[in-house]
Amino acid sequence: MATMIMLKHKDTGIIKKGFYGFSWTTFFFGAIPALFRQDFITFIGAFVVMVILGCITFGIGTFVAMVAWAFMYNKYYTRRLIERGYEFNDSPGRTEAACAALGIAMPRAEQTAVAG
């Protein structure tokens, strides 16, 4: 099950929700969650790959790809947000759990404080 973590862009102040863990919405709907998260390039890439796999393997490849993608997408999405300049904006405990799940180093103490 996916766990949400709040992220805030360091320059613009835009707040987004990051996720980690298994994505049930990606499992059932394939690339559609990427579209709703405004992750357009990932949506297009995943959609094209799933359509090609479906055509080649009569749908079996698409099912396998959707299962694999459901395990990977939340982590991929959140790590890309961090690479684009977003920082954790959640409680220290939730930030620590997210860093462990995402496989990234813990940010400095002043970055983990929730903005008030």
PDB file of N, CA and C in Angstrom:
ATOM      1  N   MET A   1       0.837  -1.176   0.000  1.00  0.00           N
ATOM      2  CA  MET A   1       0.000   0.000   0.000  1.00  0.00           C
ATOM      3  C   MET A   1       0.886   1.245   0.000  1.00  0.00           C
ATOM      4  N   ALA A   2       0.479   2.234  -0.714  1.00  0.00           N
ATOM      5  CA  ALA A   2       1.268   3.457  -0.844  1.00  0.00           C
ATOM      6  C   ALA A   2       1.164   4.318   0.411  1.00  0.00           C
ATOM      7  N   THR A   3       2.267   4.983   0.718  1.00  0.00           N
ATOM      8  CA  THR A   3       2.320   5.923   1.830  1.00  0.00           C
ATOM      9  C   THR A   3       2.625   7.297   1.256  1.00  0.00           C
ATOM     10  N   MET A   4       1.897   8.308   1.734  1.00  0.00           N
ATOM     11  CA  MET A   4       2.059   9.660   1.219  1.00  0.00           C
ATOM     12  C   MET A   4       3.080  10.425   2.060  1.00  0.00           C
ATOM     13  N   ILE A   5       3.852  11.276   1.392  1.00  0.00           N
ATOM     14  CA  ILE A   5       4.795  12.180   2.054  1.00  0.00           C
ATOM     15  C   ILE A   5       4.675  13.545   1.373  1.00  0.00           C
ATOM     16  N   MET A   6       4.594  14.589   2.162  1.00  0.00           N
ATOM     17  CA  MET A   6       4.457  15.930   1.603  1.00  0.00           C
ATOM     18  C   MET A   6       5.819  16.479   1.182  1.00  0.00           C
ATOM     19  N   LEU A   7       5.845  17.121   0.018  1.00  0.00           N
ATOM     20  CA  LEU A   7       7.060  17.719  -0.534  1.00  0.00           C
ATOM     21  C   LEU A   7       6.780  19.170  -0.888  1.00  0.00           C
ATOM     22  N   LYS A   8       7.801  20.016  -0.760  1.00  0.00           N
ATOM     23  CA  LYS A   8       7.671  21.439  -1.095  1.00  0.00           C
ATOM     24  C   LYS A   8       8.872  21.847  -1.932  1.00  0.00           C
ATOM     25  N   HIS A   9       8.618  22.552  -3.030  1.00  0.00           N
ATOM     26  CA  HIS A   9       9.713  23.010  -3.876  1.00  0.00           C
ATOM     27  C   HIS A   9      10.465  24.122  -3.164  1.00  0.00           C
ATOM     28  N   LYS A  10      11.788  24.015  -3.154  1.00  0.00           N
ATOM     29  CA  LYS A  10      12.606  24.951  -2.386  1.00  0.00           C
ATOM     30  C   LYS A  10      12.581  26.376  -2.941  1.00  0.00           C
ATOM     31  N   ASP A  11      12.317  26.548  -4.229  1.00  0.00           N
ATOM     32  CA  ASP A  11      12.330  27.886  -4.820  1.00  0.00           C
ATOM     33  C   ASP A  11      10.933  28.474  -4.986  1.00  0.00           C
ATOM     34  N   THR A  12      10.006  27.680  -5.485  1.00  0.00           N
ATOM     35  CA  THR A  12       8.675  28.197  -5.799  1.00  0.00           C
ATOM     36  C   THR A  12       7.674  28.059  -4.659  1.00  0.00           C
ATOM     37  N   GLY A  13       7.925  27.153  -3.732  1.00  0.00           N
ATOM     38  CA  GLY A  13       6.994  26.936  -2.630  1.00  0.00           C
ATOM     39  C   GLY A  13       5.819  26.049  -2.980  1.00  0.00           C
ATOM     40  N   ILE A  14       5.801  25.481  -4.177  1.00  0.00           N
ATOM     41  CA  ILE A  14       4.717  24.589  -4.590  1.00  0.00           C
ATOM     42  C   ILE A  14       4.765  23.322  -3.752  1.00  0.00           C
ATOM     43  N   ILE A  15       3.615  22.911  -3.238  1.00  0.00           N
ATOM     44  CA  ILE A  15       3.531  21.712  -2.406  1.00  0.00           C
ATOM     45  C   ILE A  15       2.902  20.592  -3.226  1.00  0.00           C
ATOM     46  N   LYS A  16       3.543  19.425  -3.198  1.00  0.00           N
ATOM     47  CA  LYS A  16       3.035  18.241  -3.891  1.00  0.00           C
ATOM     48  C   LYS A  16       3.083  17.055  -2.952  1.00  0.00           C
ATOM     49  N   LYS A  17       2.288  16.069  -3.274  1.00  0.00           N
ATOM     50  CA  LYS A  17       2.292  14.822  -2.519  1.00  0.00           C
ATOM     51  C   LYS A  17       3.199  13.829  -3.224  1.00  0.00           C
ATOM     52  N   GLY A  18       4.122  13.264  -2.466  1.00  0.00           N
ATOM     53  CA  GLY A  18       4.953  12.188  -2.965  1.00  0.00           C
ATOM     54  C   GLY A  18       4.443  10.880  -2.373  1.00  0.00           C
ATOM     55  N   PHE A  19       4.789   9.779  -2.985  1.00  0.00           N
ATOM     56  CA  PHE A  19       4.329   8.479  -2.519  1.00  0.00           C
ATOM     57  C   PHE A  19       5.461   7.471  -2.585  1.00  0.00           C
ATOM     58  N   TYR A  20       5.360   6.435  -1.765  1.00  0.00           N
ATOM     59  CA  TYR A  20       6.255   5.289  -1.869  1.00  0.00           C
ATOM     60  C   TYR A  20       5.480   4.057  -1.437  1.00  0.00           C
ATOM     61  N   GLY A  21       5.885   2.932  -1.981  1.00  0.00           N
ATOM     62  CA  GLY A  21       5.174   1.685  -1.713  1.00  0.00           C
ATOM     63  C   GLY A  21       4.372   1.256  -2.936  1.00  0.00           C
ATOM     64  N   PHE A  22       3.669   0.141  -2.809  1.00  0.00           N
ATOM     65  CA  PHE A  22       2.896  -0.430  -3.912  1.00  0.00           C
ATOM     66  C   PHE A  22       1.749   0.499  -4.310  1.00  0.00           C
ATOM     67  N   SER A  23       1.560   0.700  -5.607  1.00  0.00           N
ATOM     68  CA  SER A  23       0.514   1.583  -6.121  1.00  0.00           C
ATOM     69  C   SER A  23      -0.650   0.771  -6.685  1.00  0.00           C
ATOM     70  N   TRP A  24      -1.721   0.702  -5.917  1.00  0.00           N
ATOM     71  CA  TRP A  24      -2.894  -0.026  -6.395  1.00  0.00           C
ATOM     72  C   TRP A  24      -3.530   0.670  -7.601  1.00  0.00           C
ATOM     73  N   THR A  25      -3.503   1.992  -7.635  1.00  0.00           N
ATOM     74  CA  THR A  25      -4.094   2.691  -8.776  1.00  0.00           C
ATOM     75  C   THR A  25      -3.316   2.396 -10.054  1.00  0.00           C
ATOM     76  N   THR A  26      -2.002   2.309  -9.957  1.00  0.00           N
ATOM     77  CA  THR A  26      -1.192   1.957 -11.125  1.00  0.00           C
ATOM     78  C   THR A  26      -1.436   0.507 -11.525  1.00  0.00           C
ATOM     79  N   PHE A  27      -1.618  -0.357 -10.537  1.00  0.00           N
ATOM     80  CA  PHE A  27      -1.901  -1.763 -10.824  1.00  0.00           C
ATOM     81  C   PHE A  27      -3.201  -1.907 -11.626  1.00  0.00           C
ATOM     82  N   PHE A  28      -4.244  -1.191 -11.217  1.00  0.00           N
ATOM     83  CA  PHE A  28      -5.541  -1.323 -11.891  1.00  0.00           C
ATOM     84  C   PHE A  28      -5.681  -0.454 -13.135  1.00  0.00           C
ATOM     85  N   PHE A  29      -5.021   0.703 -13.165  1.00  0.00           N
ATOM     86  CA  PHE A  29      -5.233   1.655 -14.253  1.00  0.00           C
ATOM     87  C   PHE A  29      -4.001   1.927 -15.102  1.00  0.00           C
ATOM     88  N   GLY A  30      -2.904   1.212 -14.873  1.00  0.00           N
ATOM     89  CA  GLY A  30      -1.715   1.344 -15.710  1.00  0.00           C
ATOM     90  C   GLY A  30      -1.082   2.714 -15.620  1.00  0.00           C
ATOM     91  N   ALA A  31      -0.979   3.396 -16.736  1.00  0.00           N
ATOM     92  CA  ALA A  31      -0.281   4.678 -16.812  1.00  0.00           C
ATOM     93  C   ALA A  31      -1.152   5.873 -16.419  1.00  0.00           C
ATOM     94  N   ILE A  32      -2.427   5.682 -16.220  1.00  0.00           N
ATOM     95  CA  ILE A  32      -3.351   6.791 -15.944  1.00  0.00           C
ATOM     96  C   ILE A  32      -2.962   7.612 -14.704  1.00  0.00           C
ATOM     97  N   PRO A  33      -2.534   7.003 -13.574  1.00  0.00           N
ATOM     98  CA  PRO A  33      -2.132   7.836 -12.427  1.00  0.00           C
ATOM     99  C   PRO A  33      -1.031   8.837 -12.752  1.00  0.00           C
ATOM    100  N   ALA A  34      -0.124   8.499 -13.637  1.00  0.00           N
ATOM    101  CA  ALA A  34       0.921   9.446 -14.042  1.00  0.00           C
ATOM    102  C   ALA A  34       0.306  10.669 -14.721  1.00  0.00           C
ATOM    103  N   LEU A  35      -0.733  10.472 -15.477  1.00  0.00           N
ATOM    104  CA  LEU A  35      -1.422  11.579 -16.141  1.00  0.00           C
ATOM    105  C   LEU A  35      -2.056  12.517 -15.116  1.00  0.00           C
ATOM    106  N   PHE A  36      -2.703  11.962 -14.093  1.00  0.00           N
ATOM    107  CA  PHE A  36      -3.326  12.782 -13.059  1.00  0.00           C
ATOM    108  C   PHE A  36      -2.308  13.517 -12.186  1.00  0.00           C
ATOM    109  N   ARG A  37      -1.105  12.976 -12.079  1.00  0.00           N
ATOM    110  CA  ARG A  37      -0.038  13.630 -11.316  1.00  0.00           C
ATOM    111  C   ARG A  37       0.744  14.615 -12.179  1.00  0.00           C
ATOM    112  N   GLN A  38       0.305  14.838 -13.394  1.00  0.00           N
ATOM    113  CA  GLN A  38       0.933  15.740 -14.354  1.00  0.00           C
ATOM    114  C   GLN A  38       2.361  15.305 -14.687  1.00  0.00           C
ATOM    115  N   ASP A  39       2.572  14.007 -14.708  1.00  0.00           N
ATOM    116  CA  ASP A  39       3.850  13.403 -15.076  1.00  0.00           C
ATOM    117  C   ASP A  39       3.698  12.894 -16.513  1.00  0.00           C
ATOM    118  N   PHE A  40       3.602  13.841 -17.452  1.00  0.00           N
ATOM    119  CA  PHE A  40       3.190  13.538 -18.817  1.00  0.00           C
ATOM    120  C   PHE A  40       4.163  12.644 -19.585  1.00  0.00           C
ATOM    121  N   ILE A  41       5.450  12.876 -19.446  1.00  0.00           N
ATOM    122  CA  ILE A  41       6.438  12.073 -20.172  1.00  0.00           C
ATOM    123  C   ILE A  41       6.365  10.614 -19.714  1.00  0.00           C
ATOM    124  N   THR A  42       6.258  10.408 -18.419  1.00  0.00           N
ATOM    125  CA  THR A  42       6.141   9.048 -17.898  1.00  0.00           C
ATOM    126  C   THR A  42       4.848   8.399 -18.374  1.00  0.00           C
ATOM    127  N   PHE A  43       3.759   9.164 -18.401  1.00  0.00           N
ATOM    128  CA  PHE A  43       2.493   8.633 -18.899  1.00  0.00           C
ATOM    129  C   PHE A  43       2.632   8.144 -20.335  1.00  0.00           C
ATOM    130  N   ILE A  44       3.198   8.982 -21.177  1.00  0.00           N
ATOM    131  CA  ILE A  44       3.339   8.625 -22.593  1.00  0.00           C
ATOM    132  C   ILE A  44       4.239   7.397 -22.749  1.00  0.00           C
ATOM    133  N   GLY A  45       5.367   7.401 -22.062  1.00  0.00           N
ATOM    134  CA  GLY A  45       6.287   6.272 -22.158  1.00  0.00           C
ATOM    135  C   GLY A  45       5.676   4.970 -21.677  1.00  0.00           C
ATOM    136  N   ALA A  46       5.045   4.992 -20.517  1.00  0.00           N
ATOM    137  CA  ALA A  46       4.439   3.777 -19.968  1.00  0.00           C
ATOM    138  C   ALA A  46       3.290   3.302 -20.847  1.00  0.00           C
ATOM    139  N   PHE A  47       2.482   4.233 -21.340  1.00  0.00           N
ATOM    140  CA  PHE A  47       1.349   3.867 -22.190  1.00  0.00           C
ATOM    141  C   PHE A  47       1.823   3.197 -23.478  1.00  0.00           C
ATOM    142  N   VAL A  48       2.818   3.784 -24.115  1.00  0.00           N
ATOM    143  CA  VAL A  48       3.342   3.226 -25.366  1.00  0.00           C
ATOM    144  C   VAL A  48       3.929   1.836 -25.130  1.00  0.00           C
ATOM    145  N   VAL A  49       4.720   1.691 -24.069  1.00  0.00           N
ATOM    146  CA  VAL A  49       5.314   0.384 -23.767  1.00  0.00           C
ATOM    147  C   VAL A  49       4.235  -0.658 -23.514  1.00  0.00           C
ATOM    148  N   MET A  50       3.203  -0.299 -22.753  1.00  0.00           N
ATOM    149  CA  MET A  50       2.138  -1.262 -22.448  1.00  0.00           C
ATOM    150  C   MET A  50       1.323  -1.633 -23.684  1.00  0.00           C
ATOM    151  N   VAL A  51       1.091  -0.673 -24.573  1.00  0.00           N
ATOM    152  CA  VAL A  51       0.360  -0.980 -25.812  1.00  0.00           C
ATOM    153  C   VAL A  51       1.189  -1.908 -26.696  1.00  0.00           C
ATOM    154  N   ILE A  52       2.472  -1.623 -26.833  1.00  0.00           N
ATOM    155  CA  ILE A  52       3.333  -2.477 -27.656  1.00  0.00           C
ATOM    156  C   ILE A  52       3.410  -3.883 -27.073  1.00  0.00           C
ATOM    157  N   LEU A  53       3.609  -3.973 -25.765  1.00  0.00           N
ATOM    158  CA  LEU A  53       3.646  -5.292 -25.129  1.00  0.00           C
ATOM    159  C   LEU A  53       2.326  -6.034 -25.307  1.00  0.00           C
ATOM    160  N   GLY A  54       1.228  -5.315 -25.208  1.00  0.00           N
ATOM    161  CA  GLY A  54      -0.081  -5.930 -25.393  1.00  0.00           C
ATOM    162  C   GLY A  54      -0.272  -6.466 -26.795  1.00  0.00           C
ATOM    163  N   CYS A  55       0.189  -5.740 -27.778  1.00  0.00           N
ATOM    164  CA  CYS A  55       0.055  -6.187 -29.170  1.00  0.00           C
ATOM    165  C   CYS A  55       0.933  -7.403 -29.463  1.00  0.00           C
ATOM    166  N   ILE A  56       2.122  -7.407 -28.900  1.00  0.00           N
ATOM    167  CA  ILE A  56       3.053  -8.504 -29.176  1.00  0.00           C
ATOM    168  C   ILE A  56       2.673  -9.781 -28.440  1.00  0.00           C
ATOM    169  N   THR A  57       2.163  -9.624 -27.201  1.00  0.00           N
ATOM    170  CA  THR A  57       1.925 -10.802 -26.357  1.00  0.00           C
ATOM    171  C   THR A  57       0.448 -11.079 -26.090  1.00  0.00           C
ATOM    172  N   PHE A  58      -0.431 -10.500 -26.865  1.00  0.00           N
ATOM    173  CA  PHE A  58      -1.876 -10.691 -26.707  1.00  0.00           C
ATOM    174  C   PHE A  58      -2.365 -10.309 -25.307  1.00  0.00           C
ATOM    175  N   GLY A  59      -1.782  -9.281 -24.722  1.00  0.00           N
ATOM    176  CA  GLY A  59      -2.230  -8.745 -23.441  1.00  0.00           C
ATOM    177  C   GLY A  59      -1.487  -9.269 -22.230  1.00  0.00           C
ATOM    178  N   ILE A  60      -0.834 -10.394 -22.340  1.00  0.00           N
ATOM    179  CA  ILE A  60      -0.142 -10.971 -21.188  1.00  0.00           C
ATOM    180  C   ILE A  60       1.034 -10.086 -20.764  1.00  0.00           C
ATOM    181  N   GLY A  61       1.767  -9.566 -21.719  1.00  0.00           N
ATOM    182  CA  GLY A  61       2.899  -8.686 -21.421  1.00  0.00           C
ATOM    183  C   GLY A  61       2.455  -7.413 -20.732  1.00  0.00           C
ATOM    184  N   THR A  62       1.304  -6.900 -21.100  1.00  0.00           N
ATOM    185  CA  THR A  62       0.781  -5.695 -20.458  1.00  0.00           C
ATOM    186  C   THR A  62       0.469  -5.969 -18.999  1.00  0.00           C
ATOM    187  N   PHE A  63      -0.118  -7.117 -18.717  1.00  0.00           N
ATOM    188  CA  PHE A  63      -0.427  -7.465 -17.331  1.00  0.00           C
ATOM    189  C   PHE A  63       0.847  -7.565 -16.500  1.00  0.00           C
ATOM    190  N   VAL A  64       1.848  -8.232 -17.027  1.00  0.00           N
ATOM    191  CA  VAL A  64       3.122  -8.364 -16.317  1.00  0.00           C
ATOM    192  C   VAL A  64       3.752  -6.984 -16.112  1.00  0.00           C
ATOM    193  N   ALA A  65       3.720  -6.143 -17.124  1.00  0.00           N
ATOM    194  CA  ALA A  65       4.285  -4.798 -17.016  1.00  0.00           C
ATOM    195  C   ALA A  65       3.529  -3.960 -15.982  1.00  0.00           C
ATOM    196  N   MET A  66       2.209  -4.095 -15.927  1.00  0.00           N
ATOM    197  CA  MET A  66       1.416  -3.336 -14.954  1.00  0.00           C
ATOM    198  C   MET A  66       1.733  -3.762 -13.528  1.00  0.00           C
ATOM    199  N   VAL A  67       1.940  -5.055 -13.310  1.00  0.00           N
ATOM    200  CA  VAL A  67       2.302  -5.527 -11.970  1.00  0.00           C
ATOM    201  C   VAL A  67       3.669  -4.972 -11.577  1.00  0.00           C
ATOM    202  N   ALA A  68       4.641  -5.073 -12.473  1.00  0.00           N
ATOM    203  CA  ALA A  68       5.980  -4.559 -12.185  1.00  0.00           C
ATOM    204  C   ALA A  68       5.953  -3.045 -11.976  1.00  0.00           C
ATOM    205  N   TRP A  69       5.218  -2.335 -12.810  1.00  0.00           N
ATOM    206  CA  TRP A  69       5.136  -0.879 -12.729  1.00  0.00           C
ATOM    207  C   TRP A  69       4.458  -0.432 -11.431  1.00  0.00           C
ATOM    208  N   ALA A  70       3.504  -1.207 -10.939  1.00  0.00           N
ATOM    209  CA  ALA A  70       2.829  -0.880  -9.686  1.00  0.00           C
ATOM    210  C   ALA A  70       3.805  -0.903  -8.510  1.00  0.00           C
ATOM    211  N   PHE A  71       4.802  -1.763  -8.556  1.00  0.00           N
ATOM    212  CA  PHE A  71       5.812  -1.817  -7.508  1.00  0.00           C
ATOM    213  C   PHE A  71       6.814  -0.671  -7.628  1.00  0.00           C
ATOM    214  N   MET A  72       7.038  -0.151  -8.824  1.00  0.00           N
ATOM    215  CA  MET A  72       8.105   0.824  -9.061  1.00  0.00           C
ATOM    216  C   MET A  72       7.647   2.276  -9.155  1.00  0.00           C
ATOM    217  N   TYR A  73       6.427   2.546  -9.604  1.00  0.00           N
ATOM    218  CA  TYR A  73       6.061   3.900 -10.007  1.00  0.00           C
ATOM    219  C   TYR A  73       6.103   4.920  -8.877  1.00  0.00           C
ATOM    220  N   ASN A  74       5.552   4.632  -7.709  1.00  0.00           N
ATOM    221  CA  ASN A  74       5.534   5.634  -6.639  1.00  0.00           C
ATOM    222  C   ASN A  74       6.935   6.081  -6.249  1.00  0.00           C
ATOM    223  N   LYS A  75       7.836   5.139  -6.118  1.00  0.00           N
ATOM    224  CA  LYS A  75       9.219   5.466  -5.768  1.00  0.00           C
ATOM    225  C   LYS A  75       9.860   6.299  -6.881  1.00  0.00           C
ATOM    226  N   TYR A  76       9.636   5.889  -8.120  1.00  0.00           N
ATOM    227  CA  TYR A  76      10.170   6.613  -9.277  1.00  0.00           C
ATOM    228  C   TYR A  76       9.667   8.054  -9.300  1.00  0.00           C
ATOM    229  N   TYR A  77       8.370   8.247  -9.111  1.00  0.00           N
ATOM    230  CA  TYR A  77       7.755   9.571  -9.154  1.00  0.00           C
ATOM    231  C   TYR A  77       8.313  10.472  -8.056  1.00  0.00           C
ATOM    232  N   THR A  78       8.383   9.958  -6.835  1.00  0.00           N
ATOM    233  CA  THR A  78       8.846  10.773  -5.710  1.00  0.00           C
ATOM    234  C   THR A  78      10.321  11.121  -5.844  1.00  0.00           C
ATOM    235  N   ARG A  79      11.125  10.179  -6.287  1.00  0.00           N
ATOM    236  CA  ARG A  79      12.549  10.477  -6.485  1.00  0.00           C
ATOM    237  C   ARG A  79      12.754  11.530  -7.569  1.00  0.00           C
ATOM    238  N   ARG A  80      11.930  11.498  -8.612  1.00  0.00           N
ATOM    239  CA  ARG A  80      12.027  12.533  -9.661  1.00  0.00           C
ATOM    240  C   ARG A  80      11.645  13.902  -9.128  1.00  0.00           C
ATOM    241  N   LEU A  81      10.649  13.967  -8.250  1.00  0.00           N
ATOM    242  CA  LEU A  81      10.289  15.254  -7.640  1.00  0.00           C
ATOM    243  C   LEU A  81      11.466  15.798  -6.828  1.00  0.00           C
ATOM    244  N   ILE A  82      12.117  14.928  -6.071  1.00  0.00           N
ATOM    245  CA  ILE A  82      13.260  15.358  -5.264  1.00  0.00           C
ATOM    246  C   ILE A  82      14.396  15.838  -6.164  1.00  0.00           C
ATOM    247  N   GLU A  83      14.615  15.153  -7.269  1.00  0.00           N
ATOM    248  CA  GLU A  83      15.651  15.577  -8.213  1.00  0.00           C
ATOM    249  C   GLU A  83      15.331  16.931  -8.831  1.00  0.00           C
ATOM    250  N   ARG A  84      14.062  17.267  -8.935  1.00  0.00           N
ATOM    251  CA  ARG A  84      13.642  18.547  -9.518  1.00  0.00           C
ATOM    252  C   ARG A  84      13.631  19.693  -8.515  1.00  0.00           C
ATOM    253  N   GLY A  85      14.063  19.444  -7.280  1.00  0.00           N
ATOM    254  CA  GLY A  85      14.178  20.527  -6.311  1.00  0.00           C
ATOM    255  C   GLY A  85      13.156  20.499  -5.196  1.00  0.00           C
ATOM    256  N   TYR A  86      12.336  19.479  -5.100  1.00  0.00           N
ATOM    257  CA  TYR A  86      11.384  19.376  -4.003  1.00  0.00           C
ATOM    258  C   TYR A  86      12.104  18.820  -2.778  1.00  0.00           C
ATOM    259  N   GLU A  87      11.673  19.285  -1.614  1.00  0.00           N
ATOM    260  CA  GLU A  87      12.242  18.835  -0.348  1.00  0.00           C
ATOM    261  C   GLU A  87      11.117  18.318   0.532  1.00  0.00           C
ATOM    262  N   PHE A  88      11.464  17.473   1.480  1.00  0.00           N
ATOM    263  CA  PHE A  88      10.461  16.932   2.389  1.00  0.00           C
ATOM    264  C   PHE A  88       9.867  18.041   3.231  1.00  0.00           C
ATOM    265  N   ASN A  89       8.561  18.008   3.412  1.00  0.00           N
ATOM    266  CA  ASN A  89       7.839  19.002   4.189  1.00  0.00           C
ATOM    267  C   ASN A  89       6.835  18.274   5.083  1.00  0.00           C
ATOM    268  N   ASP A  90       7.344  17.327   5.834  1.00  0.00           N
ATOM    269  CA  ASP A  90       6.493  16.491   6.674  1.00  0.00           C
ATOM    270  C   ASP A  90       7.177  16.299   8.022  1.00  0.00           C
ATOM    271  N   SER A  91       6.571  15.566   8.909  1.00  0.00           N
ATOM    272  CA  SER A  91       7.151  15.346  10.237  1.00  0.00           C
ATOM    273  C   SER A  91       8.466  14.572  10.109  1.00  0.00           C
ATOM    274  N   PRO A  92       9.361  14.745  11.077  1.00  0.00           N
ATOM    275  CA  PRO A  92      10.658  14.044  11.011  1.00  0.00           C
ATOM    276  C   PRO A  92      10.517  12.522  10.935  1.00  0.00           C
ATOM    277  N   GLY A  93       9.561  11.953  11.633  1.00  0.00           N
ATOM    278  CA  GLY A  93       9.365  10.507  11.592  1.00  0.00           C
ATOM    279  C   GLY A  93       8.943  10.018  10.218  1.00  0.00           C
ATOM    280  N   ARG A  94       8.006  10.726   9.605  1.00  0.00           N
ATOM    281  CA  ARG A  94       7.543  10.358   8.264  1.00  0.00           C
ATOM    282  C   ARG A  94       8.641  10.585   7.232  1.00  0.00           C
ATOM    283  N   THR A  95       9.432  11.651   7.420  1.00  0.00           N
ATOM    284  CA  THR A  95      10.542  11.921   6.513  1.00  0.00           C
ATOM    285  C   THR A  95      11.590  10.823   6.600  1.00  0.00           C
ATOM    286  N   GLU A  96      11.895  10.384   7.806  1.00  0.00           N
ATOM    287  CA  GLU A  96      12.881   9.313   7.992  1.00  0.00           C
ATOM    288  C   GLU A  96      12.410   8.020   7.337  1.00  0.00           C
ATOM    289  N   ALA A  97      11.126   7.681   7.509  1.00  0.00           N
ATOM    290  CA  ALA A  97      10.574   6.469   6.894  1.00  0.00           C
ATOM    291  C   ALA A  97      10.606   6.568   5.375  1.00  0.00           C
ATOM    292  N   ALA A  98      10.294   7.752   4.838  1.00  0.00           N
ATOM    293  CA  ALA A  98      10.308   7.953   3.389  1.00  0.00           C
ATOM    294  C   ALA A  98      11.722   7.826   2.841  1.00  0.00           C
ATOM    295  N   CYS A  99      12.692   8.412   3.523  1.00  0.00           N
ATOM    296  CA  CYS A  99      14.087   8.321   3.071  1.00  0.00           C
ATOM    297  C   CYS A  99      14.547   6.872   3.040  1.00  0.00           C
ATOM    298  N   ALA A 100      14.181   6.103   4.053  1.00  0.00           N
ATOM    299  CA  ALA A 100      14.568   4.692   4.092  1.00  0.00           C
ATOM    300  C   ALA A 100      13.918   3.929   2.943  1.00  0.00           C
ATOM    301  N   ALA A 101      12.643   4.179   2.690  1.00  0.00           N
ATOM    302  CA  ALA A 101      11.928   3.474   1.621  1.00  0.00           C
ATOM    303  C   ALA A 101      12.411   3.887   0.236  1.00  0.00           C
ATOM    304  N   LEU A 102      12.784   5.149   0.089  1.00  0.00           N
ATOM    305  CA  LEU A 102      13.221   5.661  -1.208  1.00  0.00           C
ATOM    306  C   LEU A 102      14.702   5.421  -1.465  1.00  0.00           C
ATOM    307  N   GLY A 103      15.434   5.062  -0.432  1.00  0.00           N
ATOM    308  CA  GLY A 103      16.857   4.802  -0.581  1.00  0.00           C
ATOM    309  C   GLY A 103      17.679   6.055  -0.780  1.00  0.00           C
ATOM    310  N   ILE A 104      17.304   7.133  -0.076  1.00  0.00           N
ATOM    311  CA  ILE A 104      18.052   8.386  -0.187  1.00  0.00           C
ATOM    312  C   ILE A 104      18.535   8.802   1.201  1.00  0.00           C
ATOM    313  N   ALA A 105      19.518   9.698   1.234  1.00  0.00           N
ATOM    314  CA  ALA A 105      20.071  10.165   2.500  1.00  0.00           C
ATOM    315  C   ALA A 105      19.089  11.102   3.179  1.00  0.00           C
ATOM    316  N   MET A 106      19.107  11.086   4.500  1.00  0.00           N
ATOM    317  CA  MET A 106      18.271  11.981   5.292  1.00  0.00           C
ATOM    318  C   MET A 106      18.699  13.414   5.073  1.00  0.00           C
ATOM    319  N   PRO A 107      17.759  14.341   4.856  1.00  0.00           N
ATOM    320  CA  PRO A 107      18.121  15.748   4.716  1.00  0.00           C
ATOM    321  C   PRO A 107      18.560  16.338   6.052  1.00  0.00           C
ATOM    322  N   ARG A 108      19.166  17.506   6.001  1.00  0.00           N
ATOM    323  CA  ARG A 108      19.579  18.188   7.240  1.00  0.00           C
ATOM    324  C   ARG A 108      18.364  18.473   8.092  1.00  0.00           C
ATOM    325  N   ALA A 109      18.567  18.685   9.385  1.00  0.00           N
ATOM    326  CA  ALA A 109      17.483  18.866  10.363  1.00  0.00           C
ATOM    327  C   ALA A 109      16.588  20.052  10.037  1.00  0.00           C
ATOM    328  N   GLU A 110      17.154  21.167   9.577  1.00  0.00           N
ATOM    329  CA  GLU A 110      16.329  22.344   9.310  1.00  0.00           C
ATOM    330  C   GLU A 110      15.420  22.150   8.087  1.00  0.00           C
ATOM    331  N   GLN A 111      15.716  21.195   7.215  1.00  0.00           N
ATOM    332  CA  GLN A 111      14.878  20.962   6.050  1.00  0.00           C
ATOM    333  C   GLN A 111      13.676  20.087   6.386  1.00  0.00           C
ATOM    334  N   THR A 112      13.709  19.357   7.487  1.00  0.00           N
ATOM    335  CA  THR A 112      12.623  18.438   7.794  1.00  0.00           C
ATOM    336  C   THR A 112      11.513  19.073   8.597  1.00  0.00           C
ATOM    337  N   ALA A 113      11.721  20.292   9.092  1.00  0.00           N
ATOM    338  CA  ALA A 113      10.681  20.949   9.873  1.00  0.00           C
ATOM    339  C   ALA A 113       9.510  21.308   8.989  1.00  0.00           C
ATOM    340  N   VAL A 114       8.320  21.104   9.509  1.00  0.00           N
ATOM    341  CA  VAL A 114       7.106  21.422   8.772  1.00  0.00           C
ATOM    342  C   VAL A 114       6.925  22.929   8.788  1.00  0.00           C
ATOM    343  N   ALA A 115       6.676  23.491   7.612  1.00  0.00           N
ATOM    344  CA  ALA A 115       6.479  24.934   7.507  1.00  0.00           C
ATOM    345  C   ALA A 115       5.178  25.315   8.200  1.00  0.00           C
ATOM    346  N   GLY A 116       5.188  26.372   8.956  1.00  0.00           N
ATOM    347  CA  GLY A 116       4.008  26.746   9.724  1.00  0.00           C
ATOM    348  C   GLY A 116       3.269  27.887   9.217  1.00  0.00           C
TER     349      GLY A 116
END
